[in-house]
Amino acid sequence: MAYDDEEPEPERVTDPEAIERSRQGIRELYEVRRNVLRWVYAGLGLLAIIVIVLAMTR
């Protein structure tokens, strides 16, 4: 992604509390994404089992 020279550079966060809040938010987002992926894989596995069972019974 190209950087637009006309836009000001974002300020760096130097406050330790703000950094920790940001890290906590990233951790929470990671956990949510991991749980969603787990459910998606479980659903795909269930669909695969259903397709196999249907294919074998016909």
Protein backbone atom coordinates (compact mmCIF):
# COMPACT_ATOMS: atom_id res chain seq x y z
CA MET A 1 0.00 0.00 0.00
CA ALA A 2 1.45 3.33 -1.03
CA TYR A 3 1.79 6.09 1.51
CA ASP A 4 0.18 9.39 0.57
CA ASP A 5 2.59 12.23 1.31
CA GLU A 6 -0.23 14.70 1.85
CA GLU A 7 -1.67 12.74 4.79
CA PRO A 8 -0.05 13.36 8.13
CA GLU A 9 1.87 10.50 9.64
CA PRO A 10 -0.08 8.83 12.48
CA GLU A 11 1.17 9.63 15.95
CA ARG A 12 3.10 6.90 17.70
CA VAL A 13 1.54 5.64 20.88
CA THR A 14 4.01 5.95 23.73
CA ASP A 15 1.66 5.68 26.70
CA PRO A 16 2.23 2.24 28.32
CA GLU A 17 -1.44 1.94 29.30
CA ALA A 18 -2.59 2.70 25.76
CA ILE A 19 -0.13 0.14 24.39
CA GLU A 20 -1.39 -2.50 26.82
CA ARG A 21 -5.03 -1.74 25.94
CA SER A 22 -4.15 -2.09 22.27
CA ARG A 23 -2.40 -5.41 22.88
CA GLN A 24 -5.36 -6.65 24.92
CA GLY A 25 -7.71 -5.72 22.08
CA ILE A 26 -5.52 -7.60 19.61
CA ARG A 27 -5.51 -10.66 21.91
CA GLU A 28 -9.31 -10.57 22.21
CA LEU A 29 -9.70 -10.26 18.44
CA TYR A 30 -7.33 -13.20 17.97
CA GLU A 31 -9.39 -15.32 20.37
CA VAL A 32 -12.65 -14.45 18.60
CA ARG A 33 -11.16 -15.27 15.21
CA ARG A 34 -9.82 -18.57 16.54
CA ASN A 35 -13.24 -19.53 17.93
CA VAL A 36 -14.98 -18.59 14.68
CA LEU A 37 -12.52 -20.67 12.67
CA ARG A 38 -13.04 -23.60 15.01
CA TRP A 39 -16.81 -23.47 14.43
CA VAL A 40 -16.39 -23.06 10.68
CA TYR A 41 -14.13 -26.11 10.50
CA ALA A 42 -16.57 -28.09 12.63
CA GLY A 43 -19.41 -27.11 10.28
CA LEU A 44 -17.39 -28.04 7.21
CA GLY A 45 -16.52 -31.38 8.77
CA LEU A 46 -20.17 -32.05 9.52
CA LEU A 47 -21.14 -31.16 5.96
CA ALA A 48 -18.45 -33.47 4.61
CA ILE A 49 -19.76 -36.33 6.76
CA ILE A 50 -23.32 -35.70 5.56
CA VAL A 51 -22.21 -35.69 1.91
CA ILE A 52 -20.28 -38.94 2.38
CA VAL A 53 -23.21 -40.64 4.11
CA LEU A 54 -25.64 -39.48 1.42
CA ALA A 55 -23.29 -40.62 -1.34
CA MET A 56 -22.91 -44.07 0.23
CA THR A 57 -26.65 -44.60 0.79
CA ARG A 58 -27.74 -43.81 -2.78
